[in-house]
PDB file of N, CA and C in Angstrom:
ATOM      1  N   MET A   1      27.851  -5.675   1.281  1.00  0.00           N
ATOM      2  CA  MET A   1      26.407  -5.780   1.291  1.00  0.00           C
ATOM      3  C   MET A   1      25.760  -4.406   1.098  1.00  0.00           C
ATOM      4  N   GLU A   2      26.367  -3.375   1.718  1.00  0.00           N
ATOM      5  CA  GLU A   2      25.809  -2.038   1.568  1.00  0.00           C
ATOM      6  C   GLU A   2      25.948  -1.539   0.138  1.00  0.00           C
ATOM      7  N   ALA A   3      27.052  -1.914  -0.511  1.00  0.00           N
ATOM      8  CA  ALA A   3      27.254  -1.495  -1.899  1.00  0.00           C
ATOM      9  C   ALA A   3      26.210  -2.132  -2.808  1.00  0.00           C
ATOM     10  N   PHE A   4      25.872  -3.379  -2.537  1.00  0.00           N
ATOM     11  CA  PHE A   4      24.843  -4.047  -3.327  1.00  0.00           C
ATOM     12  C   PHE A   4      23.493  -3.359  -3.146  1.00  0.00           C
ATOM     13  N   ALA A   5      23.140  -3.037  -1.903  1.00  0.00           N
ATOM     14  CA  ALA A   5      21.874  -2.367  -1.635  1.00  0.00           C
ATOM     15  C   ALA A   5      21.832  -0.986  -2.273  1.00  0.00           C
ATOM     16  N   ALA A   6      22.943  -0.269  -2.210  1.00  0.00           N
ATOM     17  CA  ALA A   6      22.995   1.059  -2.825  1.00  0.00           C
ATOM     18  C   ALA A   6      22.885   0.951  -4.344  1.00  0.00           C
ATOM     19  N   GLY A   7      23.578  -0.023  -4.931  1.00  0.00           N
ATOM     20  CA  GLY A   7      23.495  -0.221  -6.377  1.00  0.00           C
ATOM     21  C   GLY A   7      22.106  -0.623  -6.825  1.00  0.00           C
ATOM     22  N   LEU A   8      21.469  -1.507  -6.066  1.00  0.00           N
ATOM     23  CA  LEU A   8      20.114  -1.927  -6.394  1.00  0.00           C
ATOM     24  C   LEU A   8      19.132  -0.765  -6.270  1.00  0.00           C
ATOM     25  N   SER A   9      19.314   0.046  -5.257  1.00  0.00           N
ATOM     26  CA  SER A   9      18.454   1.213  -5.070  1.00  0.00           C
ATOM     27  C   SER A   9      18.620   2.207  -6.210  1.00  0.00           C
ATOM     28  N   LEU A  10      19.863   2.458  -6.596  1.00  0.00           N
ATOM     29  CA  LEU A  10      20.129   3.379  -7.693  1.00  0.00           C
ATOM     30  C   LEU A  10      19.576   2.851  -9.014  1.00  0.00           C
ATOM     31  N   ALA A  11      19.760   1.567  -9.268  1.00  0.00           N
ATOM     32  CA  ALA A  11      19.254   0.976 -10.506  1.00  0.00           C
ATOM     33  C   ALA A  11      17.737   1.030 -10.577  1.00  0.00           C
ATOM     34  N   SER A  12      17.067   0.732  -9.470  1.00  0.00           N
ATOM     35  CA  SER A  12      15.604   0.772  -9.484  1.00  0.00           C
ATOM     36  C   SER A  12      15.095   2.209  -9.619  1.00  0.00           C
ATOM     37  N   ALA A  13      15.792   3.172  -9.004  1.00  0.00           N
ATOM     38  CA  ALA A  13      15.380   4.575  -9.149  1.00  0.00           C
ATOM     39  C   ALA A  13      15.535   5.039 -10.584  1.00  0.00           C
ATOM     40  N   LEU A  14      16.642   4.667 -11.223  1.00  0.00           N
ATOM     41  CA  LEU A  14      16.839   5.050 -12.622  1.00  0.00           C
ATOM     42  C   LEU A  14      15.817   4.385 -13.538  1.00  0.00           C
ATOM     43  N   LEU A  15      15.557   3.107 -13.308  1.00  0.00           N
ATOM     44  CA  LEU A  15      14.591   2.393 -14.139  1.00  0.00           C
ATOM     45  C   LEU A  15      13.189   2.972 -13.971  1.00  0.00           C
ATOM     46  N   LEU A  16      12.763   3.152 -12.736  1.00  0.00           N
ATOM     47  CA  LEU A  16      11.418   3.674 -12.507  1.00  0.00           C
ATOM     48  C   LEU A  16      11.302   5.136 -12.898  1.00  0.00           C
ATOM     49  N   GLY A  17      12.386   5.877 -12.873  1.00  0.00           N
ATOM     50  CA  GLY A  17      12.363   7.254 -13.330  1.00  0.00           C
ATOM     51  C   GLY A  17      12.341   7.358 -14.843  1.00  0.00           C
ATOM     52  N   ALA A  18      12.878   6.347 -15.513  1.00  0.00           N
ATOM     53  CA  ALA A  18      12.923   6.373 -16.975  1.00  0.00           C
ATOM     54  C   ALA A  18      11.610   5.941 -17.607  1.00  0.00           C
ATOM     55  N   ILE A  19      10.784   5.232 -16.888  1.00  0.00           N
ATOM     56  CA  ILE A  19       9.512   4.751 -17.456  1.00  0.00           C
ATOM     57  C   ILE A  19       8.629   5.907 -17.920  1.00  0.00           C
ATOM     58  N   PRO A  20       8.375   6.937 -17.112  1.00  0.00           N
ATOM     59  CA  PRO A  20       7.563   8.048 -17.617  1.00  0.00           C
ATOM     60  C   PRO A  20       8.223   8.789 -18.778  1.00  0.00           C
ATOM     61  N   MET A  21       9.548   8.887 -18.740  1.00  0.00           N
ATOM     62  CA  MET A  21      10.246   9.565 -19.825  1.00  0.00           C
ATOM     63  C   MET A  21      10.047   8.810 -21.143  1.00  0.00           C
ATOM     64  N   LEU A  22      10.167   7.504 -21.097  1.00  0.00           N
ATOM     65  CA  LEU A  22       9.977   6.709 -22.306  1.00  0.00           C
ATOM     66  C   LEU A  22       8.524   6.722 -22.764  1.00  0.00           C
ATOM     67  N   ARG A  23       7.615   6.797 -21.818  1.00  0.00           N
ATOM     68  CA  ARG A  23       6.194   6.804 -22.148  1.00  0.00           C
ATOM     69  C   ARG A  23       5.792   8.069 -22.906  1.00  0.00           C
ATOM     70  N   PHE A  24       6.369   9.192 -22.498  1.00  0.00           N
ATOM     71  CA  PHE A  24       5.997  10.464 -23.099  1.00  0.00           C
ATOM     72  C   PHE A  24       6.998  10.947 -24.144  1.00  0.00           C
ATOM     73  N   ALA A  25       7.961  10.125 -24.508  1.00  0.00           N
ATOM     74  CA  ALA A  25       8.963  10.529 -25.487  1.00  0.00           C
ATOM     75  C   ALA A  25       8.358  10.716 -26.873  1.00  0.00           C
ATOM     76  N   THR A  26       7.328   9.958 -27.198  1.00  0.00           N
ATOM     77  CA  THR A  26       6.721  10.052 -28.522  1.00  0.00           C
ATOM     78  C   THR A  26       5.533  11.011 -28.557  1.00  0.00           C
ATOM     79  N   LEU A  27       5.238  11.634 -27.454  1.00  0.00           N
ATOM     80  CA  LEU A  27       4.094  12.547 -27.379  1.00  0.00           C
ATOM     81  C   LEU A  27       4.407  13.838 -28.127  1.00  0.00           C
ATOM     82  N   ASP A  28       3.471  14.281 -28.962  1.00  0.00           N
ATOM     83  CA  ASP A  28       3.642  15.527 -29.713  1.00  0.00           C
ATOM     84  C   ASP A  28       3.141  16.680 -28.846  1.00  0.00           C
ATOM     85  N   LEU A  29       4.039  17.528 -28.409  1.00  0.00           N
ATOM     86  CA  LEU A  29       3.693  18.613 -27.494  1.00  0.00           C
ATOM     87  C   LEU A  29       3.240  19.887 -28.194  1.00  0.00           C
ATOM     88  N   VAL A  30       3.442  20.013 -29.488  1.00  0.00           N
ATOM     89  CA  VAL A  30       3.103  21.249 -30.190  1.00  0.00           C
ATOM     90  C   VAL A  30       1.605  21.556 -30.094  1.00  0.00           C
ATOM     91  N   PRO A  31       0.702  20.619 -30.377  1.00  0.00           N
ATOM     92  CA  PRO A  31      -0.727  20.952 -30.241  1.00  0.00           C
ATOM     93  C   PRO A  31      -1.118  21.327 -28.810  1.00  0.00           C
ATOM     94  N   ALA A  32      -0.526  20.654 -27.845  1.00  0.00           N
ATOM     95  CA  ALA A  32      -0.842  20.969 -26.450  1.00  0.00           C
ATOM     96  C   ALA A  32      -0.356  22.364 -26.084  1.00  0.00           C
ATOM     97  N   LEU A  33       0.805  22.756 -26.595  1.00  0.00           N
ATOM     98  CA  LEU A  33       1.314  24.094 -26.302  1.00  0.00           C
ATOM     99  C   LEU A  33       0.541  25.177 -27.038  1.00  0.00           C
ATOM    100  N   LYS A  34       0.010  24.855 -28.218  1.00  0.00           N
ATOM    101  CA  LYS A  34      -0.766  25.845 -28.970  1.00  0.00           C
ATOM    102  C   LYS A  34      -2.110  26.142 -28.322  1.00  0.00           C
ATOM    103  N   GLU A  35      -2.646  25.161 -27.588  1.00  0.00           N
ATOM    104  CA  GLU A  35      -3.921  25.399 -26.906  1.00  0.00           C
ATOM    105  C   GLU A  35      -3.788  26.474 -25.839  1.00  0.00           C
ATOM    106  N   GLY A  36      -2.640  26.544 -25.223  1.00  0.00           N
ATOM    107  CA  GLY A  36      -2.358  27.605 -24.266  1.00  0.00           C
ATOM    108  C   GLY A  36      -3.209  27.535 -23.021  1.00  0.00           C
ATOM    109  N   LEU A  37      -3.807  28.641 -22.672  1.00  0.00           N
ATOM    110  CA  LEU A  37      -4.544  28.773 -21.422  1.00  0.00           C
ATOM    111  C   LEU A  37      -5.912  28.113 -21.439  1.00  0.00           C
ATOM    112  N   ARG A  38      -6.387  27.703 -22.592  1.00  0.00           N
ATOM    113  CA  ARG A  38      -7.727  27.091 -22.624  1.00  0.00           C
ATOM    114  C   ARG A  38      -7.791  25.840 -21.766  1.00  0.00           C
ATOM    115  N   SER A  39      -6.762  25.010 -21.824  1.00  0.00           N
ATOM    116  CA  SER A  39      -6.782  23.780 -21.039  1.00  0.00           C
ATOM    117  C   SER A  39      -6.118  23.956 -19.678  1.00  0.00           C
ATOM    118  N   ALA A  40      -5.486  25.087 -19.460  1.00  0.00           N
ATOM    119  CA  ALA A  40      -4.780  25.297 -18.204  1.00  0.00           C
ATOM    120  C   ALA A  40      -5.740  25.607 -17.056  1.00  0.00           C
ATOM    121  N   SER A  41      -6.915  26.126 -17.352  1.00  0.00           N
ATOM    122  CA  SER A  41      -7.851  26.449 -16.282  1.00  0.00           C
ATOM    123  C   SER A  41      -8.627  25.196 -15.883  1.00  0.00           C
ATOM    124  N   VAL A  42      -8.685  24.952 -14.587  1.00  0.00           N
ATOM    125  CA  VAL A  42      -9.413  23.801 -14.059  1.00  0.00           C
ATOM    126  C   VAL A  42     -10.469  24.305 -13.098  1.00  0.00           C
ATOM    127  N   GLY A  43     -11.392  23.440 -12.785  1.00  0.00           N
ATOM    128  CA  GLY A  43     -12.470  23.817 -11.885  1.00  0.00           C
ATOM    129  C   GLY A  43     -11.995  23.957 -10.453  1.00  0.00           C
ATOM    130  N   PRO A  44     -12.815  24.590  -9.619  1.00  0.00           N
ATOM    131  CA  PRO A  44     -12.411  24.797  -8.222  1.00  0.00           C
ATOM    132  C   PRO A  44     -12.278  23.492  -7.438  1.00  0.00           C
ATOM    133  N   ALA A  45     -13.113  22.507  -7.763  1.00  0.00           N
ATOM    134  CA  ALA A  45     -13.017  21.229  -7.050  1.00  0.00           C
ATOM    135  C   ALA A  45     -11.702  20.523  -7.373  1.00  0.00           C
ATOM    136  N   ARG A  46     -11.309  20.586  -8.624  1.00  0.00           N
ATOM    137  CA  ARG A  46     -10.055  19.952  -9.018  1.00  0.00           C
ATOM    138  C   ARG A  46      -8.855  20.685  -8.414  1.00  0.00           C
ATOM    139  N   GLU A  47      -8.945  21.993  -8.320  1.00  0.00           N
ATOM    140  CA  GLU A  47      -7.864  22.775  -7.720  1.00  0.00           C
ATOM    141  C   GLU A  47      -7.738  22.470  -6.227  1.00  0.00           C
ATOM    142  N   ARG A  48      -8.871  22.329  -5.532  1.00  0.00           N
ATOM    143  CA  ARG A  48      -8.830  21.966  -4.110  1.00  0.00           C
ATOM    144  C   ARG A  48      -8.228  20.586  -3.914  1.00  0.00           C
ATOM    145  N   ALA A  49      -8.584  19.649  -4.778  1.00  0.00           N
ATOM    146  CA  ALA A  49      -8.031  18.301  -4.676  1.00  0.00           C
ATOM    147  C   ALA A  49      -6.533  18.311  -4.917  1.00  0.00           C
ATOM    148  N   ARG A  50      -6.095  19.087  -5.882  1.00  0.00           N
ATOM    149  CA  ARG A  50      -4.663  19.184  -6.174  1.00  0.00           C
ATOM    150  C   ARG A  50      -3.913  19.780  -4.984  1.00  0.00           C
ATOM    151  N   ARG A  51      -4.464  20.823  -4.395  1.00  0.00           N
ATOM    152  CA  ARG A  51      -3.821  21.440  -3.232  1.00  0.00           C
ATOM    153  C   ARG A  51      -3.787  20.486  -2.044  1.00  0.00           C
ATOM    154  N   ALA A  52      -4.874  19.720  -1.845  1.00  0.00           N
ATOM    155  CA  ALA A  52      -4.906  18.757  -0.745  1.00  0.00           C
ATOM    156  C   ALA A  52      -3.856  17.669  -0.945  1.00  0.00           C
ATOM    157  N   LEU A  53      -3.659  17.243  -2.170  1.00  0.00           N
ATOM    158  CA  LEU A  53      -2.634  16.239  -2.444  1.00  0.00           C
ATOM    159  C   LEU A  53      -1.235  16.785  -2.184  1.00  0.00           C
ATOM    160  N   VAL A  54      -1.000  18.030  -2.563  1.00  0.00           N
ATOM    161  CA  VAL A  54       0.315  18.631  -2.328  1.00  0.00           C
ATOM    162  C   VAL A  54       0.568  18.778  -0.836  1.00  0.00           C
ATOM    163  N   VAL A  55      -0.433  19.223  -0.099  1.00  0.00           N
ATOM    164  CA  VAL A  55      -0.281  19.393   1.351  1.00  0.00           C
ATOM    165  C   VAL A  55      -0.020  18.047   2.015  1.00  0.00           C
ATOM    166  N   SER A  56      -0.755  17.020   1.622  1.00  0.00           N
ATOM    167  CA  SER A  56      -0.557  15.703   2.232  1.00  0.00           C
ATOM    168  C   SER A  56       0.810  15.129   1.860  1.00  0.00           C
ATOM    169  N   GLU A  57       1.269  15.371   0.665  1.00  0.00           N
ATOM    170  CA  GLU A  57       2.589  14.881   0.251  1.00  0.00           C
ATOM    171  C   GLU A  57       3.694  15.564   1.049  1.00  0.00           C
ATOM    172  N   VAL A  58       3.585  16.866   1.247  1.00  0.00           N
ATOM    173  CA  VAL A  58       4.594  17.588   2.027  1.00  0.00           C
ATOM    174  C   VAL A  58       4.560  17.134   3.483  1.00  0.00           C
ATOM    175  N   ALA A  59       3.362  16.926   4.030  1.00  0.00           N
ATOM    176  CA  ALA A  59       3.246  16.467   5.416  1.00  0.00           C
ATOM    177  C   ALA A  59       3.861  15.078   5.585  1.00  0.00           C
ATOM    178  N   LEU A  60       3.619  14.192   4.642  1.00  0.00           N
ATOM    179  CA  LEU A  60       4.204  12.855   4.710  1.00  0.00           C
ATOM    180  C   LEU A  60       5.722  12.915   4.584  1.00  0.00           C
ATOM    181  N   ALA A  61       6.219  13.752   3.688  1.00  0.00           N
ATOM    182  CA  ALA A  61       7.670  13.879   3.516  1.00  0.00           C
ATOM    183  C   ALA A  61       8.325  14.415   4.791  1.00  0.00           C
ATOM    184  N   LEU A  62       7.716  15.400   5.418  1.00  0.00           N
ATOM    185  CA  LEU A  62       8.281  15.945   6.660  1.00  0.00           C
ATOM    186  C   LEU A  62       8.232  14.930   7.789  1.00  0.00           C
ATOM    187  N   THR A  63       7.161  14.149   7.861  1.00  0.00           N
ATOM    188  CA  THR A  63       7.054  13.110   8.877  1.00  0.00           C
ATOM    189  C   THR A  63       8.137  12.056   8.684  1.00  0.00           C
ATOM    190  N   LEU A  64       8.332  11.630   7.440  1.00  0.00           N
ATOM    191  CA  LEU A  64       9.375  10.638   7.166  1.00  0.00           C
ATOM    192  C   LEU A  64      10.769  11.202   7.441  1.00  0.00           C
ATOM    193  N   LEU A  65      10.979  12.459   7.129  1.00  0.00           N
ATOM    194  CA  LEU A  65      12.270  13.086   7.392  1.00  0.00           C
ATOM    195  C   LEU A  65      12.538  13.170   8.891  1.00  0.00           C
ATOM    196  N   ALA A  66      11.535  13.557   9.665  1.00  0.00           N
ATOM    197  CA  ALA A  66      11.703  13.629  11.115  1.00  0.00           C
ATOM    198  C   ALA A  66      11.957  12.240  11.694  1.00  0.00           C
ATOM    199  N   GLY A  67      11.239  11.240  11.217  1.00  0.00           N
ATOM    200  CA  GLY A  67      11.449   9.869  11.689  1.00  0.00           C
ATOM    201  C   GLY A  67      12.835   9.358  11.356  1.00  0.00           C
ATOM    202  N   ALA A  68      13.318   9.659  10.153  1.00  0.00           N
ATOM    203  CA  ALA A  68      14.668   9.237   9.772  1.00  0.00           C
ATOM    204  C   ALA A  68      15.714   9.929  10.631  1.00  0.00           C
ATOM    205  N   GLY A  69      15.499  11.194  10.931  1.00  0.00           N
ATOM    206  CA  GLY A  69      16.436  11.915  11.790  1.00  0.00           C
ATOM    207  C   GLY A  69      16.469  11.352  13.200  1.00  0.00           C
ATOM    208  N   LEU A  70      15.296  11.035  13.749  1.00  0.00           N
ATOM    209  CA  LEU A  70      15.241  10.466  15.096  1.00  0.00           C
ATOM    210  C   LEU A  70      15.873   9.080  15.141  1.00  0.00           C
ATOM    211  N   MET A  71      15.643   8.289  14.106  1.00  0.00           N
ATOM    212  CA  MET A  71      16.233   6.956  14.053  1.00  0.00           C
ATOM    213  C   MET A  71      17.754   7.040  13.941  1.00  0.00           C
ATOM    214  N   THR A  72      18.248   7.969  13.121  1.00  0.00           N
ATOM    215  CA  THR A  72      19.687   8.143  12.980  1.00  0.00           C
ATOM    216  C   THR A  72      20.302   8.612  14.294  1.00  0.00           C
ATOM    217  N   GLN A  73      19.639   9.533  14.973  1.00  0.00           N
ATOM    218  CA  GLN A  73      20.131  10.021  16.256  1.00  0.00           C
ATOM    219  C   GLN A  73      20.157   8.892  17.292  1.00  0.00           C
ATOM    220  N   SER A  74      19.121   8.070  17.329  1.00  0.00           N
ATOM    221  CA  SER A  74      19.086   6.959  18.278  1.00  0.00           C
ATOM    222  C   SER A  74      20.184   5.945  17.978  1.00  0.00           C
ATOM    223  N   PHE A  75      20.387   5.645  16.703  1.00  0.00           N
ATOM    224  CA  PHE A  75      21.431   4.696  16.343  1.00  0.00           C
ATOM    225  C   PHE A  75      22.811   5.246  16.689  1.00  0.00           C
ATOM    226  N   TRP A  76      23.021   6.532  16.449  1.00  0.00           N
ATOM    227  CA  TRP A  76      24.304   7.137  16.769  1.00  0.00           C
ATOM    228  C   TRP A  76      24.562   7.095  18.269  1.00  0.00           C
ATOM    229  N   ARG A  77      23.547   7.389  19.055  1.00  0.00           N
ATOM    230  CA  ARG A  77      23.702   7.323  20.517  1.00  0.00           C
ATOM    231  C   ARG A  77      23.985   5.898  20.972  1.00  0.00           C
ATOM    232  N   LEU A  78      23.360   4.931  20.335  1.00  0.00           N
ATOM    233  CA  LEU A  78      23.598   3.536  20.687  1.00  0.00           C
ATOM    234  C   LEU A  78      25.015   3.105  20.329  1.00  0.00           C
ATOM    235  N   LYS A  79      25.504   3.564  19.173  1.00  0.00           N
ATOM    236  CA  LYS A  79      26.849   3.208  18.749  1.00  0.00           C
ATOM    237  C   LYS A  79      27.918   3.837  19.646  1.00  0.00           C
ATOM    238  N   THR A  80      27.680   5.051  20.122  1.00  0.00           N
ATOM    239  CA  THR A  80      28.692   5.755  20.904  1.00  0.00           C
ATOM    240  C   THR A  80      28.510   5.604  22.407  1.00  0.00           C
ATOM    241  N   ALA A  81      27.527   4.840  22.848  1.00  0.00           N
ATOM    242  CA  ALA A  81      27.296   4.664  24.289  1.00  0.00           C
ATOM    243  C   ALA A  81      28.421   3.838  24.891  1.00  0.00           C
ATOM    244  N   ARG A  82      28.807   4.209  26.083  1.00  0.00           N
ATOM    245  CA  ARG A  82      29.852   3.478  26.787  1.00  0.00           C
ATOM    246  C   ARG A  82      29.166   2.595  27.821  1.00  0.00           C
ATOM    247  N   GLY A  83      29.024   1.335  27.476  1.00  0.00           N
ATOM    248  CA  GLY A  83      28.306   0.432  28.370  1.00  0.00           C
ATOM    249  C   GLY A  83      29.171  -0.629  29.004  1.00  0.00           C
ATOM    250  N   GLY A  84      30.433  -0.718  28.612  1.00  0.00           N
ATOM    251  CA  GLY A  84      31.305  -1.704  29.218  1.00  0.00           C
ATOM    252  C   GLY A  84      31.147  -3.090  28.626  1.00  0.00           C
ATOM    253  N   GLY A  85      30.655  -3.204  27.444  1.00  0.00           N
ATOM    254  CA  GLY A  85      30.497  -4.514  26.818  1.00  0.00           C
ATOM    255  C   GLY A  85      30.952  -4.466  25.379  1.00  0.00           C
ATOM    256  N   VAL A  86      30.558  -5.457  24.657  1.00  0.00           N
ATOM    257  CA  VAL A  86      30.908  -5.512  23.241  1.00  0.00           C
ATOM    258  C   VAL A  86      29.962  -4.597  22.478  1.00  0.00           C
ATOM    259  N   GLN A  87      30.515  -3.580  21.829  1.00  0.00           N
ATOM    260  CA  GLN A  87      29.699  -2.601  21.125  1.00  0.00           C
ATOM    261  C   GLN A  87      28.953  -3.229  19.949  1.00  0.00           C
ATOM    262  N   ALA A  88      29.590  -4.098  19.193  1.00  0.00           N
ATOM    263  CA  ALA A  88      28.970  -4.662  17.992  1.00  0.00           C
ATOM    264  C   ALA A  88      27.765  -5.512  18.343  1.00  0.00           C
ATOM    265  N   ALA A  89      27.792  -6.188  19.467  1.00  0.00           N
ATOM    266  CA  ALA A  89      26.676  -7.052  19.835  1.00  0.00           C
ATOM    267  C   ALA A  89      25.440  -6.234  20.205  1.00  0.00           C
ATOM    268  N   ARG A  90      25.629  -5.039  20.719  1.00  0.00           N
ATOM    269  CA  ARG A  90      24.468  -4.221  21.084  1.00  0.00           C
ATOM    270  C   ARG A  90      23.751  -3.669  19.865  1.00  0.00           C
ATOM    271  N   THR A  91      24.472  -3.374  18.829  1.00  0.00           N
ATOM    272  CA  THR A  91      23.842  -2.824  17.636  1.00  0.00           C
ATOM    273  C   THR A  91      23.392  -3.903  16.674  1.00  0.00           C
ATOM    274  N   GLY A  92      23.783  -5.127  16.911  1.00  0.00           N
ATOM    275  CA  GLY A  92      23.332  -6.220  16.064  1.00  0.00           C
ATOM    276  C   GLY A  92      24.119  -6.371  14.786  1.00  0.00           C
ATOM    277  N   SER A  93      25.255  -5.710  14.673  1.00  0.00           N
ATOM    278  CA  SER A  93      25.983  -5.771  13.411  1.00  0.00           C
ATOM    279  C   SER A  93      26.792  -7.053  13.267  1.00  0.00           C
ATOM    280  N   ASP A  94      27.138  -7.709  14.369  1.00  0.00           N
ATOM    281  CA  ASP A  94      27.925  -8.929  14.286  1.00  0.00           C
ATOM    282  C   ASP A  94      27.164 -10.151  14.791  1.00  0.00           C
ATOM    283  N   LEU A  95      25.863 -10.096  14.840  1.00  0.00           N
ATOM    284  CA  LEU A  95      25.077 -11.221  15.322  1.00  0.00           C
ATOM    285  C   LEU A  95      24.797 -12.187  14.180  1.00  0.00           C
ATOM    286  N   PRO A  96      25.134 -13.461  14.337  1.00  0.00           N
ATOM    287  CA  PRO A  96      24.783 -14.426  13.292  1.00  0.00           C
ATOM    288  C   PRO A  96      23.285 -14.726  13.364  1.00  0.00           C
ATOM    289  N   LEU A  97      22.620 -14.610  12.267  1.00  0.00           N
ATOM    290  CA  LEU A  97      21.180 -14.825  12.224  1.00  0.00           C
ATOM    291  C   LEU A  97      20.879 -16.127  11.482  1.00  0.00           C
ATOM    292  N   GLY A  98      20.731 -17.177  12.217  1.00  0.00           N
ATOM    293  CA  GLY A  98      20.342 -18.443  11.619  1.00  0.00           C
ATOM    294  C   GLY A  98      21.457 -19.156  10.864  1.00  0.00           C
ATOM    295  N   VAL A  99      22.682 -18.735  11.048  1.00  0.00           N
ATOM    296  CA  VAL A  99      23.804 -19.359  10.363  1.00  0.00           C
ATOM    297  C   VAL A  99      24.450 -20.340  11.325  1.00  0.00           C
ATOM    298  N   ARG A 100      24.485 -21.609  10.941  1.00  0.00           N
ATOM    299  CA  ARG A 100      25.104 -22.630  11.796  1.00  0.00           C
ATOM    300  C   ARG A 100      26.339 -23.156  11.093  1.00  0.00           C
ATOM    301  N   SER A 101      27.373 -23.336  11.886  1.00  0.00           N
ATOM    302  CA  SER A 101      28.612 -23.828  11.277  1.00  0.00           C
ATOM    303  C   SER A 101      28.771 -25.316  11.494  1.00  0.00           C
TER     304      SER A 101
END
């Protein structure tokens, strides 16, 4: 099951990553490069918005990274806890969910 999820994740990442590449594959970059610095300068409002987006993206990424680390640490502690019972039942890995025989 994990291999299927990993394969599906990889396939969707490749597909969604290829969409922008295919979209801009026919774009002629020579005129854009010849313009040079004329189009590279943007207004102060646009620069502030761009910086705010970068800051918010980094903050969200760090928050998600910290949450993933805490979740992994909690799961690891749960897996290695010595409670005197069935370890698999505490983590939910061997629980039948709605399957009747």
